[in-house]
Amino acid sequence: MIGINTVACMHSGVFYGYVGLIEGIVARIRGEFGRPMRVISTGGLAPVFDGATDVIEKIVPDITVRGLIEIYRRSTQ
């Protein structure tokens, strides 16, 4: 977690900065939404944060592509 040189410290800062960002955004959205909700992380970098925070319940890196494929499938039937 704590780096032993400048580059490692920068990597740690960026990584845990994003973890804090994720947790903060989720807390604000949950507070505004007011009901339980699931948090699914998506995108090419989603697996990077796997296990780094408890707010992410599931990681589906390609959910956007899956959705686009489904939209295409439904529109061509």
PDB file of N, CA and C in Angstrom:
ATOM      1  N   MET A   1       0.818  -1.183   0.000  1.00  0.00           N
ATOM      2  CA  MET A   1       0.000   0.000   0.000  1.00  0.00           C
ATOM      3  C   MET A   1       0.866   1.253   0.000  1.00  0.00           C
ATOM      4  N   ILE A   2       1.837   1.333   0.845  1.00  0.00           N
ATOM      5  CA  ILE A   2       2.728   2.492   0.889  1.00  0.00           C
ATOM      6  C   ILE A   2       3.924   2.189   0.001  1.00  0.00           C
ATOM      7  N   GLY A   3       4.227   3.119  -0.888  1.00  0.00           N
ATOM      8  CA  GLY A   3       5.346   2.915  -1.791  1.00  0.00           C
ATOM      9  C   GLY A   3       6.686   3.114  -1.107  1.00  0.00           C
ATOM     10  N   ILE A   4       7.707   2.506  -1.686  1.00  0.00           N
ATOM     11  CA  ILE A   4       9.059   2.629  -1.123  1.00  0.00           C
ATOM     12  C   ILE A   4       9.948   3.545  -1.954  1.00  0.00           C
ATOM     13  N   ASN A   5       9.394   4.044  -3.077  1.00  0.00           N
ATOM     14  CA  ASN A   5      10.114   5.017  -3.894  1.00  0.00           C
ATOM     15  C   ASN A   5       9.081   5.946  -4.551  1.00  0.00           C
ATOM     16  N   THR A   6       9.551   6.929  -5.263  1.00  0.00           N
ATOM     17  CA  THR A   6       8.649   7.940  -5.822  1.00  0.00           C
ATOM     18  C   THR A   6       7.603   7.338  -6.742  1.00  0.00           C
ATOM     19  N   VAL A   7       8.019   6.481  -7.651  1.00  0.00           N
ATOM     20  CA  VAL A   7       7.078   5.902  -8.614  1.00  0.00           C
ATOM     21  C   VAL A   7       6.047   5.031  -7.899  1.00  0.00           C
ATOM     22  N   ALA A   8       6.490   4.203  -6.971  1.00  0.00           N
ATOM     23  CA  ALA A   8       5.564   3.346  -6.226  1.00  0.00           C
ATOM     24  C   ALA A   8       4.591   4.185  -5.396  1.00  0.00           C
ATOM     25  N   CYS A   9       5.070   5.267  -4.826  1.00  0.00           N
ATOM     26  CA  CYS A   9       4.197   6.166  -4.056  1.00  0.00           C
ATOM     27  C   CYS A   9       3.160   6.823  -4.958  1.00  0.00           C
ATOM     28  N   MET A  10       3.579   7.204  -6.159  1.00  0.00           N
ATOM     29  CA  MET A  10       2.639   7.802  -7.107  1.00  0.00           C
ATOM     30  C   MET A  10       1.583   6.788  -7.547  1.00  0.00           C
ATOM     31  N   HIS A  11       2.008   5.566  -7.822  1.00  0.00           N
ATOM     32  CA  HIS A  11       1.057   4.510  -8.194  1.00  0.00           C
ATOM     33  C   HIS A  11       0.054   4.280  -7.076  1.00  0.00           C
ATOM     34  N   SER A  12       0.546   4.181  -5.854  1.00  0.00           N
ATOM     35  CA  SER A  12      -0.316   3.960  -4.695  1.00  0.00           C
ATOM     36  C   SER A  12      -1.294   5.119  -4.531  1.00  0.00           C
ATOM     37  N   GLY A  13      -0.810   6.337  -4.679  1.00  0.00           N
ATOM     38  CA  GLY A  13      -1.672   7.502  -4.545  1.00  0.00           C
ATOM     39  C   GLY A  13      -2.767   7.545  -5.573  1.00  0.00           C
ATOM     40  N   VAL A  14      -2.435   7.247  -6.823  1.00  0.00           N
ATOM     41  CA  VAL A  14      -3.439   7.243  -7.889  1.00  0.00           C
ATOM     42  C   VAL A  14      -4.454   6.126  -7.649  1.00  0.00           C
ATOM     43  N   PHE A  15      -3.963   4.940  -7.330  1.00  0.00           N
ATOM     44  CA  PHE A  15      -4.854   3.794  -7.118  1.00  0.00           C
ATOM     45  C   PHE A  15      -5.815   4.066  -5.967  1.00  0.00           C
ATOM     46  N   TYR A  16      -5.300   4.412  -4.804  1.00  0.00           N
ATOM     47  CA  TYR A  16      -6.162   4.615  -3.641  1.00  0.00           C
ATOM     48  C   TYR A  16      -6.957   5.913  -3.744  1.00  0.00           C
ATOM     49  N   GLY A  17      -6.490   6.854  -4.532  1.00  0.00           N
ATOM     50  CA  GLY A  17      -7.292   8.035  -4.827  1.00  0.00           C
ATOM     51  C   GLY A  17      -8.549   7.649  -5.598  1.00  0.00           C
ATOM     52  N   TYR A  18      -8.398   6.758  -6.572  1.00  0.00           N
ATOM     53  CA  TYR A  18      -9.556   6.290  -7.333  1.00  0.00           C
ATOM     54  C   TYR A  18     -10.475   5.433  -6.483  1.00  0.00           C
ATOM     55  N   VAL A  19      -9.905   4.630  -5.598  1.00  0.00           N
ATOM     56  CA  VAL A  19     -10.738   3.839  -4.677  1.00  0.00           C
ATOM     57  C   VAL A  19     -11.591   4.790  -3.830  1.00  0.00           C
ATOM     58  N   GLY A  20     -10.986   5.847  -3.306  1.00  0.00           N
ATOM     59  CA  GLY A  20     -11.728   6.842  -2.535  1.00  0.00           C
ATOM     60  C   GLY A  20     -12.789   7.529  -3.367  1.00  0.00           C
ATOM     61  N   LEU A  21     -12.472   7.813  -4.624  1.00  0.00           N
ATOM     62  CA  LEU A  21     -13.426   8.419  -5.541  1.00  0.00           C
ATOM     63  C   LEU A  21     -14.630   7.499  -5.747  1.00  0.00           C
ATOM     64  N   ILE A  22     -14.366   6.240  -5.990  1.00  0.00           N
ATOM     65  CA  ILE A  22     -15.438   5.254  -6.181  1.00  0.00           C
ATOM     66  C   ILE A  22     -16.325   5.193  -4.937  1.00  0.00           C
ATOM     67  N   GLU A  23     -15.703   5.072  -3.773  1.00  0.00           N
ATOM     68  CA  GLU A  23     -16.467   4.972  -2.528  1.00  0.00           C
ATOM     69  C   GLU A  23     -17.283   6.243  -2.271  1.00  0.00           C
ATOM     70  N   GLY A  24     -16.710   7.393  -2.555  1.00  0.00           N
ATOM     71  CA  GLY A  24     -17.420   8.655  -2.354  1.00  0.00           C
ATOM     72  C   GLY A  24     -18.610   8.814  -3.282  1.00  0.00           C
ATOM     73  N   ILE A  25     -18.425   8.472  -4.547  1.00  0.00           N
ATOM     74  CA  ILE A  25     -19.523   8.573  -5.512  1.00  0.00           C
ATOM     75  C   ILE A  25     -20.647   7.612  -5.144  1.00  0.00           C
ATOM     76  N   VAL A  26     -20.279   6.385  -4.793  1.00  0.00           N
ATOM     77  CA  VAL A  26     -21.294   5.400  -4.417  1.00  0.00           C
ATOM     78  C   VAL A  26     -22.057   5.873  -3.179  1.00  0.00           C
ATOM     79  N   ALA A  27     -21.366   6.403  -2.186  1.00  0.00           N
ATOM     80  CA  ALA A  27     -22.025   6.885  -0.963  1.00  0.00           C
ATOM     81  C   ALA A  27     -23.003   8.015  -1.291  1.00  0.00           C
ATOM     82  N   ARG A  28     -22.616   8.936  -2.143  1.00  0.00           N
ATOM     83  CA  ARG A  28     -23.501  10.052  -2.505  1.00  0.00           C
ATOM     84  C   ARG A  28     -24.724   9.571  -3.285  1.00  0.00           C
ATOM     85  N   ILE A  29     -24.512   8.681  -4.242  1.00  0.00           N
ATOM     86  CA  ILE A  29     -25.640   8.181  -5.033  1.00  0.00           C
ATOM     87  C   ILE A  29     -26.580   7.372  -4.150  1.00  0.00           C
ATOM     88  N   ARG A  30     -26.044   6.526  -3.291  1.00  0.00           N
ATOM     89  CA  ARG A  30     -26.893   5.755  -2.376  1.00  0.00           C
ATOM     90  C   ARG A  30     -27.681   6.675  -1.452  1.00  0.00           C
ATOM     91  N   GLY A  31     -27.032   7.718  -0.950  1.00  0.00           N
ATOM     92  CA  GLY A  31     -27.720   8.666  -0.082  1.00  0.00           C
ATOM     93  C   GLY A  31     -28.853   9.382  -0.791  1.00  0.00           C
ATOM     94  N   GLU A  32     -28.651   9.735  -2.035  1.00  0.00           N
ATOM     95  CA  GLU A  32     -29.675  10.427  -2.803  1.00  0.00           C
ATOM     96  C   GLU A  32     -30.779   9.481  -3.253  1.00  0.00           C
ATOM     97  N   PHE A  33     -30.408   8.258  -3.617  1.00  0.00           N
ATOM     98  CA  PHE A  33     -31.374   7.278  -4.117  1.00  0.00           C
ATOM     99  C   PHE A  33     -32.301   6.818  -2.995  1.00  0.00           C
ATOM    100  N   GLY A  34     -31.731   6.589  -1.819  1.00  0.00           N
ATOM    101  CA  GLY A  34     -32.535   6.267  -0.645  1.00  0.00           C
ATOM    102  C   GLY A  34     -33.047   4.851  -0.537  1.00  0.00           C
ATOM    103  N   ARG A  35     -32.664   4.005  -1.449  1.00  0.00           N
ATOM    104  CA  ARG A  35     -33.072   2.599  -1.389  1.00  0.00           C
ATOM    105  C   ARG A  35     -31.852   1.738  -1.661  1.00  0.00           C
ATOM    106  N   PRO A  36     -31.882   0.481  -1.251  1.00  0.00           N
ATOM    107  CA  PRO A  36     -30.737  -0.401  -1.539  1.00  0.00           C
ATOM    108  C   PRO A  36     -30.516  -0.534  -3.042  1.00  0.00           C
ATOM    109  N   MET A  37     -29.277  -0.649  -3.419  1.00  0.00           N
ATOM    110  CA  MET A  37     -28.945  -0.837  -4.823  1.00  0.00           C
ATOM    111  C   MET A  37     -27.660  -1.651  -4.932  1.00  0.00           C
ATOM    112  N   ARG A  38     -27.504  -2.294  -6.064  1.00  0.00           N
ATOM    113  CA  ARG A  38     -26.286  -3.052  -6.341  1.00  0.00           C
ATOM    114  C   ARG A  38     -25.310  -2.156  -7.078  1.00  0.00           C
ATOM    115  N   VAL A  39     -24.034  -2.371  -6.835  1.00  0.00           N
ATOM    116  CA  VAL A  39     -22.993  -1.614  -7.521  1.00  0.00           C
ATOM    117  C   VAL A  39     -22.210  -2.588  -8.389  1.00  0.00           C
ATOM    118  N   ILE A  40     -22.242  -2.344  -9.692  1.00  0.00           N
ATOM    119  CA  ILE A  40     -21.539  -3.182 -10.658  1.00  0.00           C
ATOM    120  C   ILE A  40     -20.499  -2.317 -11.336  1.00  0.00           C
ATOM    121  N   SER A  41     -19.258  -2.762 -11.287  1.00  0.00           N
ATOM    122  CA  SER A  41     -18.162  -2.049 -11.929  1.00  0.00           C
ATOM    123  C   SER A  41     -17.994  -2.593 -13.340  1.00  0.00           C
ATOM    124  N   THR A  42     -17.823  -1.677 -14.298  1.00  0.00           N
ATOM    125  CA  THR A  42     -17.699  -2.094 -15.686  1.00  0.00           C
ATOM    126  C   THR A  42     -16.596  -1.305 -16.380  1.00  0.00           C
ATOM    127  N   GLY A  43     -16.187  -1.769 -17.500  1.00  0.00           N
ATOM    128  CA  GLY A  43     -15.142  -1.110 -18.271  1.00  0.00           C
ATOM    129  C   GLY A  43     -13.850  -1.911 -18.224  1.00  0.00           C
ATOM    130  N   GLY A  44     -12.952  -1.557 -19.083  1.00  0.00           N
ATOM    131  CA  GLY A  44     -11.701  -2.300 -19.220  1.00  0.00           C
ATOM    132  C   GLY A  44     -10.830  -2.318 -17.980  1.00  0.00           C
ATOM    133  N   LEU A  45     -10.915  -1.268 -17.154  1.00  0.00           N
ATOM    134  CA  LEU A  45     -10.101  -1.208 -15.943  1.00  0.00           C
ATOM    135  C   LEU A  45     -10.835  -1.692 -14.700  1.00  0.00           C
ATOM    136  N   ALA A  46     -12.075  -2.133 -14.853  1.00  0.00           N
ATOM    137  CA  ALA A  46     -12.860  -2.595 -13.701  1.00  0.00           C
ATOM    138  C   ALA A  46     -12.138  -3.658 -12.877  1.00  0.00           C
ATOM    139  N   PRO A  47     -11.498  -4.650 -13.489  1.00  0.00           N
ATOM    140  CA  PRO A  47     -10.829  -5.677 -12.692  1.00  0.00           C
ATOM    141  C   PRO A  47      -9.683  -5.147 -11.818  1.00  0.00           C
ATOM    142  N   VAL A  48      -9.140  -3.983 -12.172  1.00  0.00           N
ATOM    143  CA  VAL A  48      -8.056  -3.404 -11.378  1.00  0.00           C
ATOM    144  C   VAL A  48      -8.509  -3.152  -9.943  1.00  0.00           C
ATOM    145  N   PHE A  49      -9.790  -2.823  -9.761  1.00  0.00           N
ATOM    146  CA  PHE A  49     -10.306  -2.470  -8.444  1.00  0.00           C
ATOM    147  C   PHE A  49     -10.992  -3.637  -7.739  1.00  0.00           C
ATOM    148  N   ASP A  50     -10.918  -4.827  -8.338  1.00  0.00           N
ATOM    149  CA  ASP A  50     -11.510  -6.014  -7.729  1.00  0.00           C
ATOM    150  C   ASP A  50     -10.871  -6.277  -6.369  1.00  0.00           C
ATOM    151  N   GLY A  51     -11.673  -6.256  -5.338  1.00  0.00           N
ATOM    152  CA  GLY A  51     -11.186  -6.520  -3.986  1.00  0.00           C
ATOM    153  C   GLY A  51     -10.617  -5.312  -3.267  1.00  0.00           C
ATOM    154  N   ALA A  52     -10.538  -4.170  -3.939  1.00  0.00           N
ATOM    155  CA  ALA A  52      -9.952  -2.982  -3.320  1.00  0.00           C
ATOM    156  C   ALA A  52     -10.949  -2.226  -2.453  1.00  0.00           C
ATOM    157  N   THR A  53     -12.237  -2.462  -2.678  1.00  0.00           N
ATOM    158  CA  THR A  53     -13.275  -1.787  -1.905  1.00  0.00           C
ATOM    159  C   THR A  53     -14.481  -2.704  -1.766  1.00  0.00           C
ATOM    160  N   ASP A  54     -15.183  -2.555  -0.663  1.00  0.00           N
ATOM    161  CA  ASP A  54     -16.366  -3.384  -0.417  1.00  0.00           C
ATOM    162  C   ASP A  54     -17.613  -2.852  -1.110  1.00  0.00           C
ATOM    163  N   VAL A  55     -17.578  -1.641  -1.660  1.00  0.00           N
ATOM    164  CA  VAL A  55     -18.784  -1.079  -2.267  1.00  0.00           C
ATOM    165  C   VAL A  55     -19.100  -1.712  -3.616  1.00  0.00           C
ATOM    166  N   ILE A  56     -18.104  -2.257  -4.294  1.00  0.00           N
ATOM    167  CA  ILE A  56     -18.332  -2.907  -5.587  1.00  0.00           C
ATOM    168  C   ILE A  56     -18.741  -4.347  -5.321  1.00  0.00           C
ATOM    169  N   GLU A  57     -19.973  -4.668  -5.752  1.00  0.00           N
ATOM    170  CA  GLU A  57     -20.493  -6.014  -5.506  1.00  0.00           C
ATOM    171  C   GLU A  57     -20.137  -6.996  -6.610  1.00  0.00           C
ATOM    172  N   LYS A  58     -20.018  -6.496  -7.825  1.00  0.00           N
ATOM    173  CA  LYS A  58     -19.744  -7.385  -8.952  1.00  0.00           C
ATOM    174  C   LYS A  58     -18.973  -6.611 -10.006  1.00  0.00           C
ATOM    175  N   ILE A  59     -18.101  -7.311 -10.699  1.00  0.00           N
ATOM    176  CA  ILE A  59     -17.335  -6.709 -11.779  1.00  0.00           C
ATOM    177  C   ILE A  59     -17.701  -7.415 -13.080  1.00  0.00           C
ATOM    178  N   VAL A  60     -18.172  -6.624 -14.046  1.00  0.00           N
ATOM    179  CA  VAL A  60     -18.528  -7.134 -15.362  1.00  0.00           C
ATOM    180  C   VAL A  60     -17.867  -6.193 -16.381  1.00  0.00           C
ATOM    181  N   PRO A  61     -16.623  -6.474 -16.750  1.00  0.00           N
ATOM    182  CA  PRO A  61     -15.869  -5.548 -17.598  1.00  0.00           C
ATOM    183  C   PRO A  61     -16.505  -5.231 -18.941  1.00  0.00           C
ATOM    184  N   ASP A  62     -17.285  -6.159 -19.495  1.00  0.00           N
ATOM    185  CA  ASP A  62     -17.798  -5.964 -20.852  1.00  0.00           C
ATOM    186  C   ASP A  62     -19.311  -5.753 -20.899  1.00  0.00           C
ATOM    187  N   ILE A  63     -19.900  -5.225 -19.836  1.00  0.00           N
ATOM    188  CA  ILE A  63     -21.362  -5.062 -19.797  1.00  0.00           C
ATOM    189  C   ILE A  63     -21.844  -4.090 -20.877  1.00  0.00           C
ATOM    190  N   THR A  64     -21.071  -3.072 -21.197  1.00  0.00           N
ATOM    191  CA  THR A  64     -21.467  -2.113 -22.231  1.00  0.00           C
ATOM    192  C   THR A  64     -21.537  -2.798 -23.588  1.00  0.00           C
ATOM    193  N   VAL A  65     -20.537  -3.598 -23.896  1.00  0.00           N
ATOM    194  CA  VAL A  65     -20.528  -4.318 -25.174  1.00  0.00           C
ATOM    195  C   VAL A  65     -21.685  -5.309 -25.218  1.00  0.00           C
ATOM    196  N   ARG A  66     -21.930  -5.987 -24.098  1.00  0.00           N
ATOM    197  CA  ARG A  66     -23.068  -6.918 -24.040  1.00  0.00           C
ATOM    198  C   ARG A  66     -24.375  -6.184 -24.328  1.00  0.00           C
ATOM    199  N   GLY A  67     -24.526  -5.000 -23.746  1.00  0.00           N
ATOM    200  CA  GLY A  67     -25.730  -4.204 -23.971  1.00  0.00           C
ATOM    201  C   GLY A  67     -25.881  -3.792 -25.422  1.00  0.00           C
ATOM    202  N   LEU A  68     -24.790  -3.369 -26.036  1.00  0.00           N
ATOM    203  CA  LEU A  68     -24.836  -2.980 -27.448  1.00  0.00           C
ATOM    204  C   LEU A  68     -25.200  -4.165 -28.347  1.00  0.00           C
ATOM    205  N   ILE A  69     -24.657  -5.321 -28.028  1.00  0.00           N
ATOM    206  CA  ILE A  69     -24.993  -6.523 -28.792  1.00  0.00           C
ATOM    207  C   ILE A  69     -26.471  -6.845 -28.644  1.00  0.00           C
ATOM    208  N   GLU A  70     -26.992  -6.713 -27.431  1.00  0.00           N
ATOM    209  CA  GLU A  70     -28.413  -6.981 -27.188  1.00  0.00           C
ATOM    210  C   GLU A  70     -29.296  -5.974 -27.916  1.00  0.00           C
ATOM    211  N   ILE A  71     -28.919  -4.717 -27.919  1.00  0.00           N
ATOM    212  CA  ILE A  71     -29.681  -3.696 -28.647  1.00  0.00           C
ATOM    213  C   ILE A  71     -29.705  -4.029 -30.140  1.00  0.00           C
ATOM    214  N   TYR A  72     -28.549  -4.388 -30.673  1.00  0.00           N
ATOM    215  CA  TYR A  72     -28.468  -4.769 -32.081  1.00  0.00           C
ATOM    216  C   TYR A  72     -29.346  -5.984 -32.366  1.00  0.00           C
ATOM    217  N   ARG A  73     -29.245  -6.999 -31.507  1.00  0.00           N
ATOM    218  CA  ARG A  73     -30.015  -8.222 -31.698  1.00  0.00           C
ATOM    219  C   ARG A  73     -31.517  -7.924 -31.725  1.00  0.00           C
ATOM    220  N   ARG A  74     -31.965  -7.092 -30.780  1.00  0.00           N
ATOM    221  CA  ARG A  74     -33.397  -6.771 -30.702  1.00  0.00           C
ATOM    222  C   ARG A  74     -33.857  -5.883 -31.867  1.00  0.00           C
ATOM    223  N   SER A  75     -32.984  -5.075 -32.372  1.00  0.00           N
ATOM    224  CA  SER A  75     -33.393  -4.162 -33.455  1.00  0.00           C
ATOM    225  C   SER A  75     -33.377  -4.817 -34.820  1.00  0.00           C
ATOM    226  N   THR A  76     -32.792  -6.003 -34.939  1.00  0.00           N
ATOM    227  CA  THR A  76     -32.725  -6.675 -36.238  1.00  0.00           C
ATOM    228  C   THR A  76     -33.690  -7.854 -36.332  1.00  0.00           C
ATOM    229  N   GLN A  77     -34.516  -8.022 -35.345  1.00  0.00           N
ATOM    230  CA  GLN A  77     -35.466  -9.151 -35.370  1.00  0.00           C
ATOM    231  C   GLN A  77     -36.754  -8.760 -36.040  1.00  0.00           C
TER     232      GLN A  77
END
